[in-house]
Amino acid sequence: MEPMKPMEPMKPMEPMKPMKGAEPWWPKDLGQPASSGGQNGLRYAFFPEAHRLLVETDGTLKTYDSGDHRISGVQQASGGAPRFTSQSGDVSLDDLKVVS
């Protein structure tokens, strides 16, 4: 019987590459949103300088004129329409003008 051969030393592991972040889903000309988020098939991004609120629901994107509202969050009751939080209280999408 032949004796066991020694194991080869482990080779150094290749360093992990940083994970790539998700690409923005909004137009790049709007820059970075002041607030963004999503839940239940809805996502939003708010751009105060442009007075724009972008809302994507189930793959359909709409742009709203946010007027003087400064959107900071969203809430959505089960089956109900989303309501956005602003400095003036809750805002419904029905209160905002659709731009595109």
N, C-alpha and C. Protein backbone atom coordinates (compact mmCIF):
# COMPACT_ATOMS: atom_id res chain seq x y z
N MET A 1 0.84 -1.17 0.00
CA MET A 1 0.00 0.00 0.00
C MET A 1 0.89 1.24 0.00
N GLU A 2 0.52 2.18 -0.82
CA GLU A 2 1.31 3.41 -0.98
C GLU A 2 0.89 4.42 0.09
N PRO A 3 1.87 5.14 0.70
CA PRO A 3 1.50 6.11 1.73
C PRO A 3 0.76 7.31 1.12
N MET A 4 -0.04 7.95 1.96
CA MET A 4 -0.82 9.12 1.51
C MET A 4 0.13 10.27 1.17
N LYS A 5 -0.24 11.00 0.12
CA LYS A 5 0.55 12.16 -0.27
C LYS A 5 0.01 13.37 0.49
N PRO A 6 0.90 14.32 0.83
CA PRO A 6 0.42 15.51 1.55
C PRO A 6 -0.49 16.36 0.65
N MET A 7 -1.43 17.02 1.29
CA MET A 7 -2.35 17.88 0.55
C MET A 7 -1.62 19.12 0.07
N GLU A 8 -2.09 19.63 -1.07
CA GLU A 8 -1.54 20.88 -1.57
C GLU A 8 -2.06 22.02 -0.71
N PRO A 9 -1.23 23.03 -0.47
CA PRO A 9 -1.73 24.18 0.31
C PRO A 9 -2.85 24.89 -0.46
N MET A 10 -3.74 25.48 0.29
CA MET A 10 -4.85 26.22 -0.33
C MET A 10 -4.30 27.43 -1.06
N LYS A 11 -4.91 27.70 -2.20
CA LYS A 11 -4.54 28.89 -2.95
C LYS A 11 -5.30 30.09 -2.36
N PRO A 12 -4.69 31.26 -2.40
CA PRO A 12 -5.41 32.44 -1.86
C PRO A 12 -6.70 32.67 -2.64
N MET A 13 -7.72 33.04 -1.90
CA MET A 13 -9.01 33.33 -2.54
C MET A 13 -8.94 34.68 -3.24
N GLU A 14 -9.65 34.78 -4.35
CA GLU A 14 -9.75 36.04 -5.06
C GLU A 14 -10.66 36.96 -4.26
N PRO A 15 -10.25 38.23 -4.05
CA PRO A 15 -11.11 39.14 -3.27
C PRO A 15 -12.48 39.29 -3.92
N MET A 16 -13.48 39.45 -3.08
CA MET A 16 -14.84 39.65 -3.59
C MET A 16 -14.93 40.99 -4.28
N LYS A 17 -15.67 41.01 -5.37
CA LYS A 17 -15.90 42.26 -6.08
C LYS A 17 -17.10 42.94 -5.44
N PRO A 18 -17.07 44.27 -5.32
CA PRO A 18 -18.22 44.96 -4.73
C PRO A 18 -19.48 44.71 -5.55
N MET A 19 -20.59 44.60 -4.84
CA MET A 19 -21.86 44.41 -5.53
C MET A 19 -22.24 45.70 -6.25
N LYS A 20 -22.81 45.54 -7.41
CA LYS A 20 -23.25 46.69 -8.18
C LYS A 20 -24.62 47.11 -7.68
N GLY A 21 -24.80 48.39 -7.45
CA GLY A 21 -26.08 48.91 -6.98
C GLY A 21 -27.13 48.87 -8.08
N ALA A 22 -28.35 48.96 -7.69
CA ALA A 22 -29.44 48.97 -8.66
C ALA A 22 -29.40 50.26 -9.48
N GLU A 23 -29.72 50.13 -10.73
CA GLU A 23 -29.76 51.29 -11.61
C GLU A 23 -31.01 52.12 -11.28
N PRO A 24 -30.91 53.45 -11.32
CA PRO A 24 -32.10 54.27 -11.07
C PRO A 24 -33.18 54.00 -12.12
N TRP A 25 -34.41 53.99 -11.70
CA TRP A 25 -35.52 53.74 -12.61
C TRP A 25 -36.16 55.04 -13.10
N TRP A 26 -35.69 56.17 -12.61
CA TRP A 26 -36.20 57.47 -13.01
C TRP A 26 -35.25 58.11 -14.02
N PRO A 27 -35.72 59.11 -14.78
CA PRO A 27 -34.86 59.79 -15.76
C PRO A 27 -33.66 60.44 -15.07
N LYS A 28 -32.49 60.27 -15.63
CA LYS A 28 -31.25 60.77 -15.03
C LYS A 28 -31.22 62.30 -14.94
N ASP A 29 -31.94 62.98 -15.84
CA ASP A 29 -31.90 64.45 -15.82
C ASP A 29 -32.57 65.02 -14.58
N LEU A 30 -33.32 64.21 -13.83
CA LEU A 30 -33.92 64.69 -12.58
C LEU A 30 -32.94 64.62 -11.41
N GLY A 31 -31.82 63.93 -11.58
CA GLY A 31 -30.84 63.80 -10.51
C GLY A 31 -31.26 62.77 -9.48
N GLN A 32 -30.87 63.01 -8.23
CA GLN A 32 -31.20 62.10 -7.13
C GLN A 32 -32.46 62.58 -6.42
N PRO A 33 -33.37 61.68 -6.10
CA PRO A 33 -34.59 62.09 -5.40
C PRO A 33 -34.30 62.45 -3.95
N ALA A 34 -35.12 63.35 -3.41
CA ALA A 34 -35.02 63.71 -2.00
C ALA A 34 -35.60 62.60 -1.14
N SER A 35 -36.60 61.89 -1.68
CA SER A 35 -37.16 60.73 -1.00
C SER A 35 -37.63 59.74 -2.05
N SER A 36 -37.57 58.49 -1.71
CA SER A 36 -38.04 57.43 -2.61
C SER A 36 -38.35 56.20 -1.78
N GLY A 37 -39.12 55.31 -2.36
CA GLY A 37 -39.45 54.08 -1.66
C GLY A 37 -40.47 53.30 -2.44
N GLY A 38 -41.00 52.27 -1.82
CA GLY A 38 -42.00 51.47 -2.49
C GLY A 38 -42.56 50.39 -1.60
N GLN A 39 -43.69 49.89 -2.01
CA GLN A 39 -44.34 48.77 -1.33
C GLN A 39 -45.51 48.29 -2.18
N ASN A 40 -45.81 47.02 -2.08
CA ASN A 40 -46.99 46.43 -2.72
C ASN A 40 -47.15 46.79 -4.20
N GLY A 41 -46.09 46.63 -5.00
CA GLY A 41 -46.19 46.90 -6.43
C GLY A 41 -46.15 48.36 -6.80
N LEU A 42 -45.86 49.24 -5.85
CA LEU A 42 -45.78 50.68 -6.09
C LEU A 42 -44.41 51.17 -5.66
N ARG A 43 -43.83 52.06 -6.46
CA ARG A 43 -42.61 52.75 -6.03
C ARG A 43 -42.70 54.20 -6.45
N TYR A 44 -42.02 55.05 -5.70
CA TYR A 44 -42.09 56.49 -5.97
C TYR A 44 -40.72 57.12 -5.78
N ALA A 45 -40.55 58.27 -6.40
CA ALA A 45 -39.36 59.10 -6.22
C ALA A 45 -39.80 60.55 -6.32
N PHE A 46 -39.34 61.37 -5.37
CA PHE A 46 -39.73 62.78 -5.31
C PHE A 46 -38.53 63.67 -5.56
N PHE A 47 -38.71 64.63 -6.48
CA PHE A 47 -37.65 65.56 -6.88
C PHE A 47 -38.13 66.99 -6.60
N PRO A 48 -37.79 67.56 -5.45
CA PRO A 48 -38.33 68.86 -5.05
C PRO A 48 -37.94 70.02 -5.96
N GLU A 49 -36.71 70.02 -6.47
CA GLU A 49 -36.28 71.14 -7.32
C GLU A 49 -37.08 71.20 -8.61
N ALA A 50 -37.45 70.03 -9.12
CA ALA A 50 -38.23 69.96 -10.37
C ALA A 50 -39.73 69.94 -10.10
N HIS A 51 -40.13 69.88 -8.83
CA HIS A 51 -41.55 69.77 -8.45
C HIS A 51 -42.19 68.56 -9.12
N ARG A 52 -41.50 67.42 -9.05
CA ARG A 52 -41.99 66.21 -9.70
C ARG A 52 -42.05 65.05 -8.72
N LEU A 53 -43.14 64.31 -8.81
CA LEU A 53 -43.32 63.06 -8.09
C LEU A 53 -43.53 61.98 -9.14
N LEU A 54 -42.65 61.01 -9.20
CA LEU A 54 -42.79 59.90 -10.13
C LEU A 54 -43.35 58.71 -9.36
N VAL A 55 -44.37 58.10 -9.91
CA VAL A 55 -45.01 56.96 -9.27
C VAL A 55 -45.13 55.85 -10.31
N GLU A 56 -44.60 54.69 -9.97
CA GLU A 56 -44.73 53.52 -10.83
C GLU A 56 -45.59 52.51 -10.10
N THR A 57 -46.68 52.13 -10.74
CA THR A 57 -47.60 51.14 -10.18
C THR A 57 -47.71 49.99 -11.16
N ASP A 58 -47.30 48.81 -10.71
CA ASP A 58 -47.37 47.61 -11.54
C ASP A 58 -46.80 47.83 -12.93
N GLY A 59 -45.65 48.52 -13.02
CA GLY A 59 -44.95 48.72 -14.29
C GLY A 59 -45.37 49.94 -15.08
N THR A 60 -46.38 50.68 -14.64
CA THR A 60 -46.83 51.88 -15.34
C THR A 60 -46.31 53.11 -14.60
N LEU A 61 -45.53 53.93 -15.30
CA LEU A 61 -44.92 55.11 -14.69
C LEU A 61 -45.72 56.35 -15.04
N LYS A 62 -46.03 57.16 -14.01
CA LYS A 62 -46.69 58.46 -14.21
C LYS A 62 -45.88 59.52 -13.48
N THR A 63 -45.85 60.70 -14.09
CA THR A 63 -45.16 61.84 -13.49
C THR A 63 -46.19 62.87 -13.08
N TYR A 64 -46.08 63.35 -11.84
CA TYR A 64 -47.02 64.32 -11.29
C TYR A 64 -46.29 65.62 -10.96
N ASP A 65 -47.00 66.73 -11.10
CA ASP A 65 -46.50 68.02 -10.63
C ASP A 65 -46.81 68.07 -9.14
N SER A 66 -45.77 68.12 -8.32
CA SER A 66 -45.98 68.08 -6.87
C SER A 66 -46.31 69.45 -6.28
N GLY A 67 -46.24 70.50 -7.10
CA GLY A 67 -46.57 71.84 -6.59
C GLY A 67 -45.67 72.22 -5.44
N ASP A 68 -46.27 72.71 -4.34
CA ASP A 68 -45.50 73.12 -3.17
C ASP A 68 -45.29 71.99 -2.17
N HIS A 69 -45.80 70.80 -2.47
CA HIS A 69 -45.65 69.67 -1.54
C HIS A 69 -44.22 69.16 -1.54
N ARG A 70 -43.74 68.85 -0.34
CA ARG A 70 -42.43 68.22 -0.17
C ARG A 70 -42.70 66.81 0.36
N ILE A 71 -42.70 65.85 -0.55
CA ILE A 71 -43.07 64.48 -0.25
C ILE A 71 -41.97 63.79 0.55
N SER A 72 -42.36 63.16 1.65
CA SER A 72 -41.37 62.47 2.49
C SER A 72 -41.69 61.00 2.72
N GLY A 73 -42.85 60.54 2.28
CA GLY A 73 -43.18 59.13 2.49
C GLY A 73 -44.49 58.78 1.84
N VAL A 74 -44.83 57.49 1.90
CA VAL A 74 -46.07 57.00 1.32
C VAL A 74 -46.69 56.00 2.27
N GLN A 75 -48.01 55.95 2.26
CA GLN A 75 -48.73 54.93 3.01
C GLN A 75 -49.83 54.39 2.11
N GLN A 76 -50.12 53.12 2.28
CA GLN A 76 -51.08 52.49 1.40
C GLN A 76 -51.86 51.47 2.20
N ALA A 77 -53.14 51.75 2.42
CA ALA A 77 -54.00 50.80 3.11
C ALA A 77 -54.29 49.65 2.16
N SER A 78 -54.59 48.49 2.69
CA SER A 78 -54.83 47.33 1.82
C SER A 78 -55.95 47.62 0.84
N GLY A 79 -55.59 47.55 -0.43
CA GLY A 79 -56.55 47.79 -1.50
C GLY A 79 -56.88 49.25 -1.75
N GLY A 80 -56.36 50.14 -0.91
CA GLY A 80 -56.68 51.57 -1.07
C GLY A 80 -55.64 52.30 -1.90
N ALA A 81 -55.98 53.50 -2.29
CA ALA A 81 -55.06 54.34 -3.06
C ALA A 81 -53.94 54.83 -2.16
N PRO A 82 -52.73 54.99 -2.70
CA PRO A 82 -51.62 55.49 -1.88
C PRO A 82 -51.84 56.94 -1.48
N ARG A 83 -51.36 57.30 -0.29
CA ARG A 83 -51.38 58.67 0.20
C ARG A 83 -49.95 59.03 0.57
N PHE A 84 -49.54 60.19 0.08
CA PHE A 84 -48.17 60.63 0.30
C PHE A 84 -48.14 61.64 1.44
N THR A 85 -47.09 61.58 2.23
CA THR A 85 -46.91 62.48 3.35
C THR A 85 -46.13 63.71 2.89
N SER A 86 -46.66 64.90 3.21
CA SER A 86 -45.95 66.14 2.88
C SER A 86 -45.97 67.04 4.11
N GLN A 87 -45.32 68.18 4.00
CA GLN A 87 -45.29 69.12 5.11
C GLN A 87 -46.68 69.66 5.43
N SER A 88 -47.62 69.53 4.50
CA SER A 88 -48.98 70.02 4.70
C SER A 88 -49.96 68.91 5.07
N GLY A 89 -49.46 67.72 5.32
CA GLY A 89 -50.32 66.58 5.63
C GLY A 89 -50.36 65.60 4.47
N ASP A 90 -51.32 64.70 4.51
CA ASP A 90 -51.43 63.66 3.47
C ASP A 90 -51.90 64.25 2.14
N VAL A 91 -51.35 63.69 1.05
CA VAL A 91 -51.68 64.12 -0.30
C VAL A 91 -52.06 62.89 -1.10
N SER A 92 -53.19 62.96 -1.78
CA SER A 92 -53.62 61.90 -2.68
C SER A 92 -53.12 62.21 -4.08
N LEU A 93 -52.92 61.17 -4.89
CA LEU A 93 -52.52 61.41 -6.28
C LEU A 93 -53.61 62.17 -7.03
N ASP A 94 -54.85 62.04 -6.60
CA ASP A 94 -55.94 62.79 -7.22
C ASP A 94 -55.79 64.29 -7.00
N ASP A 95 -55.02 64.69 -5.98
CA ASP A 95 -54.81 66.11 -5.69
C ASP A 95 -53.71 66.72 -6.57
N LEU A 96 -52.98 65.88 -7.30
CA LEU A 96 -51.85 66.35 -8.09
C LEU A 96 -52.15 66.24 -9.59
N LYS A 97 -51.56 67.14 -10.36
CA LYS A 97 -51.75 67.15 -11.81
C LYS A 97 -50.78 66.17 -12.47
N VAL A 98 -51.31 65.31 -13.35
CA VAL A 98 -50.47 64.39 -14.12
C VAL A 98 -49.75 65.17 -15.21
N VAL A 99 -48.42 65.02 -15.27
CA VAL A 99 -47.62 65.70 -16.29
C VAL A 99 -47.40 64.76 -17.47
N SER A 100 -47.11 63.51 -17.18
CA SER A 100 -46.93 62.49 -18.25
C SER A 100 -47.10 61.12 -17.68
